[in-house]
PDB file of N, CA and C in Angstrom:
ATOM      1  N   MET A   1       0.819  -1.176   0.000  1.00  0.00           N
ATOM      2  CA  MET A   1       0.000   0.000   0.000  1.00  0.00           C
ATOM      3  C   MET A   1       0.875   1.256   0.000  1.00  0.00           C
ATOM      4  N   PHE A   2       1.883   1.281   0.873  1.00  0.00           N
ATOM      5  CA  PHE A   2       2.760   2.459   0.927  1.00  0.00           C
ATOM      6  C   PHE A   2       3.506   2.662  -0.388  1.00  0.00           C
ATOM      7  N   LEU A   3       3.900   1.561  -1.014  1.00  0.00           N
ATOM      8  CA  LEU A   3       4.606   1.672  -2.285  1.00  0.00           C
ATOM      9  C   LEU A   3       3.712   2.319  -3.339  1.00  0.00           C
ATOM     10  N   ALA A   4       2.463   1.888  -3.412  1.00  0.00           N
ATOM     11  CA  ALA A   4       1.518   2.464  -4.376  1.00  0.00           C
ATOM     12  C   ALA A   4       1.282   3.946  -4.088  1.00  0.00           C
ATOM     13  N   LEU A   5       1.125   4.294  -2.817  1.00  0.00           N
ATOM     14  CA  LEU A   5       0.928   5.701  -2.449  1.00  0.00           C
ATOM     15  C   LEU A   5       2.164   6.545  -2.763  1.00  0.00           C
ATOM     16  N   THR A   6       3.333   5.968  -2.564  1.00  0.00           N
ATOM     17  CA  THR A   6       4.577   6.673  -2.877  1.00  0.00           C
ATOM     18  C   THR A   6       4.673   6.942  -4.371  1.00  0.00           C
ATOM     19  N   LEU A   7       4.364   5.931  -5.168  1.00  0.00           N
ATOM     20  CA  LEU A   7       4.399   6.102  -6.622  1.00  0.00           C
ATOM     21  C   LEU A   7       3.399   7.166  -7.072  1.00  0.00           C
ATOM     22  N   ARG A   8       2.222   7.120  -6.497  1.00  0.00           N
ATOM     23  CA  ARG A   8       1.179   8.088  -6.879  1.00  0.00           C
ATOM     24  C   ARG A   8       1.577   9.513  -6.495  1.00  0.00           C
ATOM     25  N   SER A   9       2.089   9.682  -5.298  1.00  0.00           N
ATOM     26  CA  SER A   9       2.481  11.033  -4.871  1.00  0.00           C
ATOM     27  C   SER A   9       3.629  11.569  -5.720  1.00  0.00           C
ATOM     28  N   GLY A  10       4.538  10.699  -6.120  1.00  0.00           N
ATOM     29  CA  GLY A  10       5.631  11.116  -6.994  1.00  0.00           C
ATOM     30  C   GLY A  10       5.118  11.511  -8.366  1.00  0.00           C
ATOM     31  N   LYS A  11       4.213  10.715  -8.896  1.00  0.00           N
ATOM     32  CA  LYS A  11       3.640  10.989 -10.213  1.00  0.00           C
ATOM     33  C   LYS A  11       2.875  12.315 -10.217  1.00  0.00           C
ATOM     34  N   LEU A  12       2.204  12.609  -9.106  1.00  0.00           N
ATOM     35  CA  LEU A  12       1.421  13.843  -9.008  1.00  0.00           C
ATOM     36  C   LEU A  12       2.265  15.052  -8.602  1.00  0.00           C
ATOM     37  N   GLY A  13       3.539  14.820  -8.278  1.00  0.00           N
ATOM     38  CA  GLY A  13       4.416  15.927  -7.900  1.00  0.00           C
ATOM     39  C   GLY A  13       4.172  16.464  -6.496  1.00  0.00           C
ATOM     40  N   LEU A  14       3.629  15.639  -5.640  1.00  0.00           N
ATOM     41  CA  LEU A  14       3.361  16.038  -4.246  1.00  0.00           C
ATOM     42  C   LEU A  14       4.602  15.757  -3.407  1.00  0.00           C
ATOM     43  N   ARG A  15       5.578  16.644  -3.515  1.00  0.00           N
ATOM     44  CA  ARG A  15       6.902  16.387  -2.933  1.00  0.00           C
ATOM     45  C   ARG A  15       6.880  16.077  -1.443  1.00  0.00           C
ATOM     46  N   LYS A  16       6.234  16.909  -0.662  1.00  0.00           N
ATOM     47  CA  LYS A  16       6.254  16.711   0.792  1.00  0.00           C
ATOM     48  C   LYS A  16       5.669  15.344   1.155  1.00  0.00           C
ATOM     49  N   SER A  17       4.526  15.024   0.588  1.00  0.00           N
ATOM     50  CA  SER A  17       3.912  13.712   0.823  1.00  0.00           C
ATOM     51  C   SER A  17       4.805  12.598   0.298  1.00  0.00           C
ATOM     52  N   HIS A  18       5.395  12.822  -0.857  1.00  0.00           N
ATOM     53  CA  HIS A  18       6.251  11.819  -1.475  1.00  0.00           C
ATOM     54  C   HIS A  18       7.448  11.477  -0.580  1.00  0.00           C
ATOM     55  N   PHE A  19       8.099  12.493  -0.050  1.00  0.00           N
ATOM     56  CA  PHE A  19       9.266  12.254   0.815  1.00  0.00           C
ATOM     57  C   PHE A  19       8.866  11.482   2.069  1.00  0.00           C
ATOM     58  N   TYR A  20       7.759  11.864   2.652  1.00  0.00           N
ATOM     59  CA  TYR A  20       7.256  11.187   3.846  1.00  0.00           C
ATOM     60  C   TYR A  20       6.935   9.723   3.522  1.00  0.00           C
ATOM     61  N   LEU A  21       6.255   9.515   2.400  1.00  0.00           N
ATOM     62  CA  LEU A  21       5.858   8.159   2.013  1.00  0.00           C
ATOM     63  C   LEU A  21       7.047   7.282   1.633  1.00  0.00           C
ATOM     64  N   VAL A  22       8.091   7.887   1.063  1.00  0.00           N
ATOM     65  CA  VAL A  22       9.299   7.111   0.759  1.00  0.00           C
ATOM     66  C   VAL A  22       9.845   6.483   2.053  1.00  0.00           C
ATOM     67  N   GLY A  23       9.921   7.279   3.091  1.00  0.00           N
ATOM     68  CA  GLY A  23      10.405   6.767   4.380  1.00  0.00           C
ATOM     69  C   GLY A  23       9.513   5.672   4.930  1.00  0.00           C
ATOM     70  N   LEU A  24       8.203   5.893   4.887  1.00  0.00           N
ATOM     71  CA  LEU A  24       7.269   4.875   5.382  1.00  0.00           C
ATOM     72  C   LEU A  24       7.340   3.595   4.555  1.00  0.00           C
ATOM     73  N   THR A  25       7.483   3.754   3.253  1.00  0.00           N
ATOM     74  CA  THR A  25       7.586   2.584   2.377  1.00  0.00           C
ATOM     75  C   THR A  25       8.829   1.774   2.708  1.00  0.00           C
ATOM     76  N   PHE A  26       9.950   2.460   2.854  1.00  0.00           N
ATOM     77  CA  PHE A  26      11.190   1.749   3.145  1.00  0.00           C
ATOM     78  C   PHE A  26      11.108   1.043   4.499  1.00  0.00           C
ATOM     79  N   LEU A  27      10.593   1.732   5.503  1.00  0.00           N
ATOM     80  CA  LEU A  27      10.455   1.105   6.823  1.00  0.00           C
ATOM     81  C   LEU A  27       9.493  -0.077   6.789  1.00  0.00           C
ATOM     82  N   SER A  28       8.406   0.047   6.035  1.00  0.00           N
ATOM     83  CA  SER A  28       7.456  -1.068   5.955  1.00  0.00           C
ATOM     84  C   SER A  28       8.061  -2.258   5.202  1.00  0.00           C
ATOM     85  N   LEU A  29       8.873  -1.984   4.186  1.00  0.00           N
ATOM     86  CA  LEU A  29       9.550  -3.081   3.490  1.00  0.00           C
ATOM     87  C   LEU A  29      10.553  -3.784   4.407  1.00  0.00           C
ATOM     88  N   LEU A  30      11.286  -3.007   5.188  1.00  0.00           N
ATOM     89  CA  LEU A  30      12.208  -3.622   6.146  1.00  0.00           C
ATOM     90  C   LEU A  30      11.448  -4.452   7.177  1.00  0.00           C
ATOM     91  N   GLY A  31      10.304  -3.931   7.638  1.00  0.00           N
ATOM     92  CA  GLY A  31       9.468  -4.680   8.578  1.00  0.00           C
ATOM     93  C   GLY A  31       8.936  -5.967   7.970  1.00  0.00           C
ATOM     94  N   ALA A  32       8.548  -5.904   6.713  1.00  0.00           N
ATOM     95  CA  ALA A  32       8.048  -7.100   6.028  1.00  0.00           C
ATOM     96  C   ALA A  32       9.149  -8.142   5.865  1.00  0.00           C
ATOM     97  N   ILE A  33      10.348  -7.675   5.567  1.00  0.00           N
ATOM     98  CA  ILE A  33      11.493  -8.597   5.446  1.00  0.00           C
ATOM     99  C   ILE A  33      11.771  -9.267   6.786  1.00  0.00           C
ATOM    100  N   TRP A  34      11.765  -8.497   7.833  1.00  0.00           N
ATOM    101  CA  TRP A  34      12.020  -9.030   9.183  1.00  0.00           C
ATOM    102  C   TRP A  34      10.936 -10.040   9.564  1.00  0.00           C
ATOM    103  N   GLN A  35       9.670  -9.687   9.322  1.00  0.00           N
ATOM    104  CA  GLN A  35       8.566 -10.577   9.647  1.00  0.00           C
ATOM    105  C   GLN A  35       8.639 -11.866   8.823  1.00  0.00           C
ATOM    106  N   ALA A  36       8.969 -11.747   7.542  1.00  0.00           N
ATOM    107  CA  ALA A  36       9.090 -12.930   6.688  1.00  0.00           C
ATOM    108  C   ALA A  36      10.221 -13.835   7.160  1.00  0.00           C
ATOM    109  N   GLU A  37      11.308 -13.223   7.594  1.00  0.00           N
ATOM    110  CA  GLU A  37      12.433 -14.009   8.122  1.00  0.00           C
ATOM    111  C   GLU A  37      11.995 -14.800   9.353  1.00  0.00           C
ATOM    112  N   LEU A  38      11.284 -14.157  10.254  1.00  0.00           N
ATOM    113  CA  LEU A  38      10.809 -14.851  11.455  1.00  0.00           C
ATOM    114  C   LEU A  38       9.820 -15.962  11.106  1.00  0.00           C
ATOM    115  N   TYR A  39       8.882 -15.666  10.237  1.00  0.00           N
ATOM    116  CA  TYR A  39       7.879 -16.645   9.827  1.00  0.00           C
ATOM    117  C   TYR A  39       8.524 -17.804   9.061  1.00  0.00           C
ATOM    118  N   GLY A  40       9.482 -17.486   8.209  1.00  0.00           N
ATOM    119  CA  GLY A  40      10.126 -18.487   7.371  1.00  0.00           C
ATOM    120  C   GLY A  40      10.989 -19.481   8.126  1.00  0.00           C
ATOM    121  N   ARG A  41      11.344 -19.165   9.347  1.00  0.00           N
ATOM    122  CA  ARG A  41      12.176 -20.091  10.137  1.00  0.00           C
ATOM    123  C   ARG A  41      11.478 -21.406  10.431  1.00  0.00           C
ATOM    124  N   ASP A  42      10.153 -21.413  10.319  1.00  0.00           N
ATOM    125  CA  ASP A  42       9.386 -22.624  10.593  1.00  0.00           C
ATOM    126  C   ASP A  42       9.195 -23.497   9.356  1.00  0.00           C
ATOM    127  N   PHE A  43       9.847 -23.143   8.257  1.00  0.00           N
ATOM    128  CA  PHE A  43       9.662 -23.873   7.008  1.00  0.00           C
ATOM    129  C   PHE A  43      10.995 -24.266   6.389  1.00  0.00           C
ATOM    130  N   GLU A  44      10.935 -25.332   5.633  1.00  0.00           N
ATOM    131  CA  GLU A  44      12.071 -25.791   4.827  1.00  0.00           C
ATOM    132  C   GLU A  44      11.719 -25.474   3.376  1.00  0.00           C
ATOM    133  N   PHE A  45      12.582 -24.688   2.715  1.00  0.00           N
ATOM    134  CA  PHE A  45      12.294 -24.232   1.358  1.00  0.00           C
ATOM    135  C   PHE A  45      13.150 -24.967   0.333  1.00  0.00           C
ATOM    136  N   ASN A  46      12.612 -25.071  -0.860  1.00  0.00           N
ATOM    137  CA  ASN A  46      13.377 -25.578  -1.991  1.00  0.00           C
ATOM    138  C   ASN A  46      14.556 -24.623  -2.184  1.00  0.00           C
ATOM    139  N   PRO A  47      15.791 -25.128  -2.150  1.00  0.00           N
ATOM    140  CA  PRO A  47      16.960 -24.251  -2.229  1.00  0.00           C
ATOM    141  C   PRO A  47      17.017 -23.396  -3.504  1.00  0.00           C
ATOM    142  N   THR A  48      16.583 -23.957  -4.618  1.00  0.00           N
ATOM    143  CA  THR A  48      16.600 -23.195  -5.873  1.00  0.00           C
ATOM    144  C   THR A  48      15.623 -22.037  -5.803  1.00  0.00           C
ATOM    145  N   ARG A  49      14.420 -22.305  -5.324  1.00  0.00           N
ATOM    146  CA  ARG A  49      13.412 -21.245  -5.209  1.00  0.00           C
ATOM    147  C   ARG A  49      13.855 -20.172  -4.213  1.00  0.00           C
ATOM    148  N   LEU A  50      14.441 -20.604  -3.124  1.00  0.00           N
ATOM    149  CA  LEU A  50      14.929 -19.653  -2.127  1.00  0.00           C
ATOM    150  C   LEU A  50      16.024 -18.771  -2.715  1.00  0.00           C
ATOM    151  N   THR A  51      16.938 -19.361  -3.458  1.00  0.00           N
ATOM    152  CA  THR A  51      18.030 -18.598  -4.078  1.00  0.00           C
ATOM    153  C   THR A  51      17.493 -17.569  -5.074  1.00  0.00           C
ATOM    154  N   ILE A  52      16.521 -17.976  -5.877  1.00  0.00           N
ATOM    155  CA  ILE A  52      15.932 -17.049  -6.846  1.00  0.00           C
ATOM    156  C   ILE A  52      15.242 -15.902  -6.118  1.00  0.00           C
ATOM    157  N   HIS A  53      14.461 -16.240  -5.101  1.00  0.00           N
ATOM    158  CA  HIS A  53      13.769 -15.197  -4.336  1.00  0.00           C
ATOM    159  C   HIS A  53      14.759 -14.230  -3.692  1.00  0.00           C
ATOM    160  N   LEU A  54      15.773 -14.769  -3.047  1.00  0.00           N
ATOM    161  CA  LEU A  54      16.746 -13.903  -2.374  1.00  0.00           C
ATOM    162  C   LEU A  54      17.524 -13.047  -3.365  1.00  0.00           C
ATOM    163  N   GLY A  55      17.727 -13.553  -4.578  1.00  0.00           N
ATOM    164  CA  GLY A  55      18.373 -12.754  -5.616  1.00  0.00           C
ATOM    165  C   GLY A  55      17.551 -11.523  -5.966  1.00  0.00           C
ATOM    166  N   PHE A  56      16.246 -11.713  -6.163  1.00  0.00           N
ATOM    167  CA  PHE A  56      15.382 -10.572  -6.461  1.00  0.00           C
ATOM    168  C   PHE A  56      15.268  -9.625  -5.266  1.00  0.00           C
ATOM    169  N   ALA A  57      15.110 -10.195  -4.077  1.00  0.00           N
ATOM    170  CA  ALA A  57      14.935  -9.371  -2.884  1.00  0.00           C
ATOM    171  C   ALA A  57      16.188  -8.539  -2.577  1.00  0.00           C
ATOM    172  N   SER A  58      17.348  -9.159  -2.660  1.00  0.00           N
ATOM    173  CA  SER A  58      18.579  -8.415  -2.381  1.00  0.00           C
ATOM    174  C   SER A  58      18.858  -7.395  -3.484  1.00  0.00           C
ATOM    175  N   SER A  59      18.506  -7.722  -4.715  1.00  0.00           N
ATOM    176  CA  SER A  59      18.669  -6.758  -5.807  1.00  0.00           C
ATOM    177  C   SER A  59      17.744  -5.556  -5.624  1.00  0.00           C
ATOM    178  N   ALA A  60      16.540  -5.798  -5.130  1.00  0.00           N
ATOM    179  CA  ALA A  60      15.621  -4.690  -4.851  1.00  0.00           C
ATOM    180  C   ALA A  60      16.222  -3.757  -3.809  1.00  0.00           C
ATOM    181  N   LEU A  61      16.733  -4.331  -2.745  1.00  0.00           N
ATOM    182  CA  LEU A  61      17.352  -3.495  -1.705  1.00  0.00           C
ATOM    183  C   LEU A  61      18.582  -2.764  -2.233  1.00  0.00           C
ATOM    184  N   ALA A  62      19.361  -3.441  -3.063  1.00  0.00           N
ATOM    185  CA  ALA A  62      20.570  -2.825  -3.616  1.00  0.00           C
ATOM    186  C   ALA A  62      20.238  -1.688  -4.588  1.00  0.00           C
ATOM    187  N   SER A  63      19.073  -1.733  -5.214  1.00  0.00           N
ATOM    188  CA  SER A  63      18.703  -0.673  -6.156  1.00  0.00           C
ATOM    189  C   SER A  63      18.134   0.560  -5.467  1.00  0.00           C
ATOM    190  N   PHE A  64      17.750   0.429  -4.215  1.00  0.00           N
ATOM    191  CA  PHE A  64      17.118   1.548  -3.510  1.00  0.00           C
ATOM    192  C   PHE A  64      18.008   2.787  -3.416  1.00  0.00           C
ATOM    193  N   PRO A  65      19.308   2.648  -3.141  1.00  0.00           N
ATOM    194  CA  PRO A  65      20.149   3.858  -3.134  1.00  0.00           C
ATOM    195  C   PRO A  65      20.127   4.615  -4.470  1.00  0.00           C
ATOM    196  N   GLY A  66      20.001   3.912  -5.584  1.00  0.00           N
ATOM    197  CA  GLY A  66      19.888   4.573  -6.884  1.00  0.00           C
ATOM    198  C   GLY A  66      18.614   5.392  -6.990  1.00  0.00           C
ATOM    199  N   VAL A  67      17.541   4.869  -6.420  1.00  0.00           N
ATOM    200  CA  VAL A  67      16.270   5.601  -6.402  1.00  0.00           C
ATOM    201  C   VAL A  67      16.430   6.874  -5.571  1.00  0.00           C
ATOM    202  N   ILE A  68      17.027   6.735  -4.406  1.00  0.00           N
ATOM    203  CA  ILE A  68      17.201   7.884  -3.513  1.00  0.00           C
ATOM    204  C   ILE A  68      18.132   8.923  -4.143  1.00  0.00           C
ATOM    205  N   TYR A  69      19.257   8.483  -4.663  1.00  0.00           N
ATOM    206  CA  TYR A  69      20.223   9.422  -5.240  1.00  0.00           C
ATOM    207  C   TYR A  69      19.625  10.169  -6.431  1.00  0.00           C
ATOM    208  N   SER A  70      18.986   9.438  -7.335  1.00  0.00           N
ATOM    209  CA  SER A  70      18.411  10.099  -8.507  1.00  0.00           C
ATOM    210  C   SER A  70      17.266  11.030  -8.109  1.00  0.00           C
ATOM    211  N   GLY A  71      16.509  10.659  -7.085  1.00  0.00           N
ATOM    212  CA  GLY A  71      15.451  11.539  -6.589  1.00  0.00           C
ATOM    213  C   GLY A  71      16.024  12.795  -5.965  1.00  0.00           C
ATOM    214  N   TYR A  72      17.116  12.644  -5.245  1.00  0.00           N
ATOM    215  CA  TYR A  72      17.788  13.796  -4.648  1.00  0.00           C
ATOM    216  C   TYR A  72      18.308  14.735  -5.736  1.00  0.00           C
ATOM    217  N   LYS A  73      18.923  14.168  -6.760  1.00  0.00           N
ATOM    218  CA  LYS A  73      19.441  14.985  -7.859  1.00  0.00           C
ATOM    219  C   LYS A  73      18.300  15.662  -8.639  1.00  0.00           C
ATOM    220  N   LEU A  74      17.163  15.006  -8.704  1.00  0.00           N
ATOM    221  CA  LEU A  74      16.005  15.562  -9.392  1.00  0.00           C
ATOM    222  C   LEU A  74      15.507  16.839  -8.725  1.00  0.00           C
ATOM    223  N   LEU A  75      15.756  16.978  -7.434  1.00  0.00           N
ATOM    224  CA  LEU A  75      15.338  18.196  -6.723  1.00  0.00           C
ATOM    225  C   LEU A  75      15.966  19.451  -7.326  1.00  0.00           C
ATOM    226  N   SER A  76      17.202  19.325  -7.804  1.00  0.00           N
ATOM    227  CA  SER A  76      17.897  20.508  -8.320  1.00  0.00           C
ATOM    228  C   SER A  76      17.985  20.558  -9.844  1.00  0.00           C
ATOM    229  N   LYS A  77      17.841  19.411 -10.502  1.00  0.00           N
ATOM    230  CA  LYS A  77      17.954  19.390 -11.970  1.00  0.00           C
ATOM    231  C   LYS A  77      16.903  18.458 -12.556  1.00  0.00           C
ATOM    232  N   SER A  78      15.988  19.018 -13.321  1.00  0.00           N
ATOM    233  CA  SER A  78      14.917  18.205 -13.905  1.00  0.00           C
ATOM    234  C   SER A  78      15.446  17.179 -14.908  1.00  0.00           C
ATOM    235  N   ALA A  79      16.679  17.345 -15.342  1.00  0.00           N
ATOM    236  CA  ALA A  79      17.281  16.384 -16.267  1.00  0.00           C
ATOM    237  C   ALA A  79      17.392  14.989 -15.631  1.00  0.00           C
ATOM    238  N   TRP A  80      17.322  14.910 -14.324  1.00  0.00           N
ATOM    239  CA  TRP A  80      17.410  13.631 -13.623  1.00  0.00           C
ATOM    240  C   TRP A  80      16.081  12.869 -13.608  1.00  0.00           C
ATOM    241  N   ARG A  81      15.021  13.476 -14.135  1.00  0.00           N
ATOM    242  CA  ARG A  81      13.700  12.835 -14.097  1.00  0.00           C
ATOM    243  C   ARG A  81      13.713  11.464 -14.776  1.00  0.00           C
ATOM    244  N   TYR A  82      14.311  11.373 -15.962  1.00  0.00           N
ATOM    245  CA  TYR A  82      14.362  10.101 -16.687  1.00  0.00           C
ATOM    246  C   TYR A  82      15.119   9.039 -15.881  1.00  0.00           C
ATOM    247  N   ALA A  83      16.261   9.420 -15.344  1.00  0.00           N
ATOM    248  CA  ALA A  83      17.048   8.467 -14.551  1.00  0.00           C
ATOM    249  C   ALA A  83      16.263   8.016 -13.319  1.00  0.00           C
ATOM    250  N   HIS A  84      15.591   8.961 -12.683  1.00  0.00           N
ATOM    251  CA  HIS A  84      14.819   8.612 -11.484  1.00  0.00           C
ATOM    252  C   HIS A  84      13.681   7.643 -11.844  1.00  0.00           C
ATOM    253  N   LYS A  85      12.988   7.926 -12.942  1.00  0.00           N
ATOM    254  CA  LYS A  85      11.910   7.022 -13.364  1.00  0.00           C
ATOM    255  C   LYS A  85      12.449   5.631 -13.653  1.00  0.00           C
ATOM    256  N   ARG A  86      13.617   5.553 -14.256  1.00  0.00           N
ATOM    257  CA  ARG A  86      14.223   4.252 -14.551  1.00  0.00           C
ATOM    258  C   ARG A  86      14.581   3.506 -13.266  1.00  0.00           C
ATOM    259  N   TRP A  87      15.207   4.201 -12.336  1.00  0.00           N
ATOM    260  CA  TRP A  87      15.560   3.578 -11.057  1.00  0.00           C
ATOM    261  C   TRP A  87      14.306   3.098 -10.327  1.00  0.00           C
ATOM    262  N   VAL A  88      13.274   3.940 -10.314  1.00  0.00           N
ATOM    263  CA  VAL A  88      12.016   3.548  -9.670  1.00  0.00           C
ATOM    264  C   VAL A  88      11.435   2.321 -10.361  1.00  0.00           C
ATOM    265  N   GLY A  89      11.470   2.299 -11.683  1.00  0.00           N
ATOM    266  CA  GLY A  89      10.959   1.150 -12.427  1.00  0.00           C
ATOM    267  C   GLY A  89      11.694  -0.135 -12.086  1.00  0.00           C
ATOM    268  N   VAL A  90      12.996  -0.041 -11.998  1.00  0.00           N
ATOM    269  CA  VAL A  90      13.796  -1.217 -11.632  1.00  0.00           C
ATOM    270  C   VAL A  90      13.457  -1.669 -10.220  1.00  0.00           C
ATOM    271  N   PHE A  91      13.416  -0.721  -9.287  1.00  0.00           N
ATOM    272  CA  PHE A  91      13.116  -1.051  -7.885  1.00  0.00           C
ATOM    273  C   PHE A  91      11.743  -1.703  -7.748  1.00  0.00           C
ATOM    274  N   VAL A  92      10.725  -1.090  -8.320  1.00  0.00           N
ATOM    275  CA  VAL A  92       9.370  -1.630  -8.210  1.00  0.00           C
ATOM    276  C   VAL A  92       9.277  -3.004  -8.871  1.00  0.00           C
ATOM    277  N   SER A  93       9.895  -3.163 -10.025  1.00  0.00           N
ATOM    278  CA  SER A  93       9.891  -4.473 -10.702  1.00  0.00           C
ATOM    279  C   SER A  93      10.525  -5.545  -9.828  1.00  0.00           C
ATOM    280  N   LEU A  94      11.639  -5.204  -9.200  1.00  0.00           N
ATOM    281  CA  LEU A  94      12.316  -6.174  -8.338  1.00  0.00           C
ATOM    282  C   LEU A  94      11.502  -6.490  -7.087  1.00  0.00           C
ATOM    283  N   VAL A  95      10.825  -5.503  -6.532  1.00  0.00           N
ATOM    284  CA  VAL A  95       9.959  -5.743  -5.373  1.00  0.00           C
ATOM    285  C   VAL A  95       8.811  -6.673  -5.773  1.00  0.00           C
ATOM    286  N   VAL A  96       8.190  -6.408  -6.904  1.00  0.00           N
ATOM    287  CA  VAL A  96       7.087  -7.258  -7.372  1.00  0.00           C
ATOM    288  C   VAL A  96       7.595  -8.686  -7.626  1.00  0.00           C
ATOM    289  N   LEU A  97       8.744  -8.815  -8.273  1.00  0.00           N
ATOM    290  CA  LEU A  97       9.314 -10.142  -8.497  1.00  0.00           C
ATOM    291  C   LEU A  97       9.664 -10.838  -7.180  1.00  0.00           C
ATOM    292  N   SER A  98      10.092 -10.075  -6.185  1.00  0.00           N
ATOM    293  CA  SER A  98      10.374 -10.643  -4.862  1.00  0.00           C
ATOM    294  C   SER A  98       9.107 -11.200  -4.225  1.00  0.00           C
ATOM    295  N   ILE A  99       8.015 -10.468  -4.358  1.00  0.00           N
ATOM    296  CA  ILE A  99       6.739 -10.925  -3.796  1.00  0.00           C
ATOM    297  C   ILE A  99       6.268 -12.181  -4.519  1.00  0.00           C
ATOM    298  N   ILE A 100       6.331 -12.161  -5.838  1.00  0.00           N
ATOM    299  CA  ILE A 100       5.895 -13.324  -6.630  1.00  0.00           C
ATOM    300  C   ILE A 100       6.732 -14.557  -6.295  1.00  0.00           C
ATOM    301  N   THR A 101       8.048 -14.381  -6.214  1.00  0.00           N
ATOM    302  CA  THR A 101       8.900 -15.536  -5.922  1.00  0.00           C
ATOM    303  C   THR A 101       8.767 -15.989  -4.467  1.00  0.00           C
ATOM    304  N   ALA A 102       8.392 -15.081  -3.569  1.00  0.00           N
ATOM    305  CA  ALA A 102       8.140 -15.500  -2.180  1.00  0.00           C
ATOM    306  C   ALA A 102       6.918 -16.412  -2.127  1.00  0.00           C
ATOM    307  N   VAL A 103       5.870 -16.049  -2.849  1.00  0.00           N
ATOM    308  CA  VAL A 103       4.678 -16.904  -2.908  1.00  0.00           C
ATOM    309  C   VAL A 103       5.041 -18.241  -3.546  1.00  0.00           C
ATOM    310  N   TRP A 104       5.784 -18.193  -4.653  1.00  0.00           N
ATOM    311  CA  TRP A 104       6.227 -19.402  -5.348  1.00  0.00           C
ATOM    312  C   TRP A 104       7.066 -20.286  -4.427  1.00  0.00           C
ATOM    313  N   MET A 105       7.880 -19.655  -3.602  1.00  0.00           N
ATOM    314  CA  MET A 105       8.755 -20.363  -2.669  1.00  0.00           C
ATOM    315  C   MET A 105       7.919 -21.104  -1.605  1.00  0.00           C
ATOM    316  N   PHE A 106       6.830 -20.474  -1.165  1.00  0.00           N
ATOM    317  CA  PHE A 106       6.011 -21.075  -0.125  1.00  0.00           C
ATOM    318  C   PHE A 106       5.082 -22.172  -0.654  1.00  0.00           C
ATOM    319  N   VAL A 107       4.869 -22.229  -1.963  1.00  0.00           N
ATOM    320  CA  VAL A 107       3.947 -23.216  -2.549  1.00  0.00           C
ATOM    321  C   VAL A 107       4.353 -24.633  -2.173  1.00  0.00           C
ATOM    322  N   ASP A 108       5.636 -24.923  -2.219  1.00  0.00           N
ATOM    323  CA  ASP A 108       6.060 -26.293  -1.895  1.00  0.00           C
ATOM    324  C   ASP A 108       6.914 -26.353  -0.625  1.00  0.00           C
ATOM    325  N   ALA A 109       6.832 -25.335   0.210  1.00  0.00           N
ATOM    326  CA  ALA A 109       7.589 -25.338   1.464  1.00  0.00           C
ATOM    327  C   ALA A 109       7.052 -26.398   2.411  1.00  0.00           C
ATOM    328  N   GLN A 110       7.945 -26.958   3.174  1.00  0.00           N
ATOM    329  CA  GLN A 110       7.580 -27.980   4.159  1.00  0.00           C
ATOM    330  C   GLN A 110       7.721 -27.409   5.564  1.00  0.00           C
ATOM    331  N   SER A 111       6.713 -27.615   6.371  1.00  0.00           N
ATOM    332  CA  SER A 111       6.761 -27.159   7.754  1.00  0.00           C
ATOM    333  C   SER A 111       7.789 -27.978   8.525  1.00  0.00           C
ATOM    334  N   LYS A 112       8.566 -27.307   9.362  1.00  0.00           N
ATOM    335  CA  LYS A 112       9.601 -28.001  10.151  1.00  0.00           C
ATOM    336  C   LYS A 112       8.985 -28.700  11.360  1.00  0.00           C
ATOM    337  N   SER A 113       7.778 -28.331  11.737  1.00  0.00           N
ATOM    338  CA  SER A 113       7.192 -28.942  12.937  1.00  0.00           C
ATOM    339  C   SER A 113       6.306 -30.107  12.632  1.00  0.00           C
TER     340      SER A 113
END
């Protein structure tokens, strides 16, 4: 939800709301990762599926600084708009792929208990 609101506020040019929502989105993603880690400890996952999921998830986190940097540069130079949109596109795509692969990973997970 926060990610969608962040994208919408950015698209509409609502800077103050956008900056606030970026922080909330990042914190909620970190919270979701932490919660998934705790929940996932009770399951045994297919190693291939887990590796694919972690690849997308870690790539999403690694792309976030590019989103922040390009957004920061966009504040002073509108020429950064294209780069920022590209970084956002990569980040959102990786987050969506992380969610899809997490569901895929749980499809055949075995409970440890």
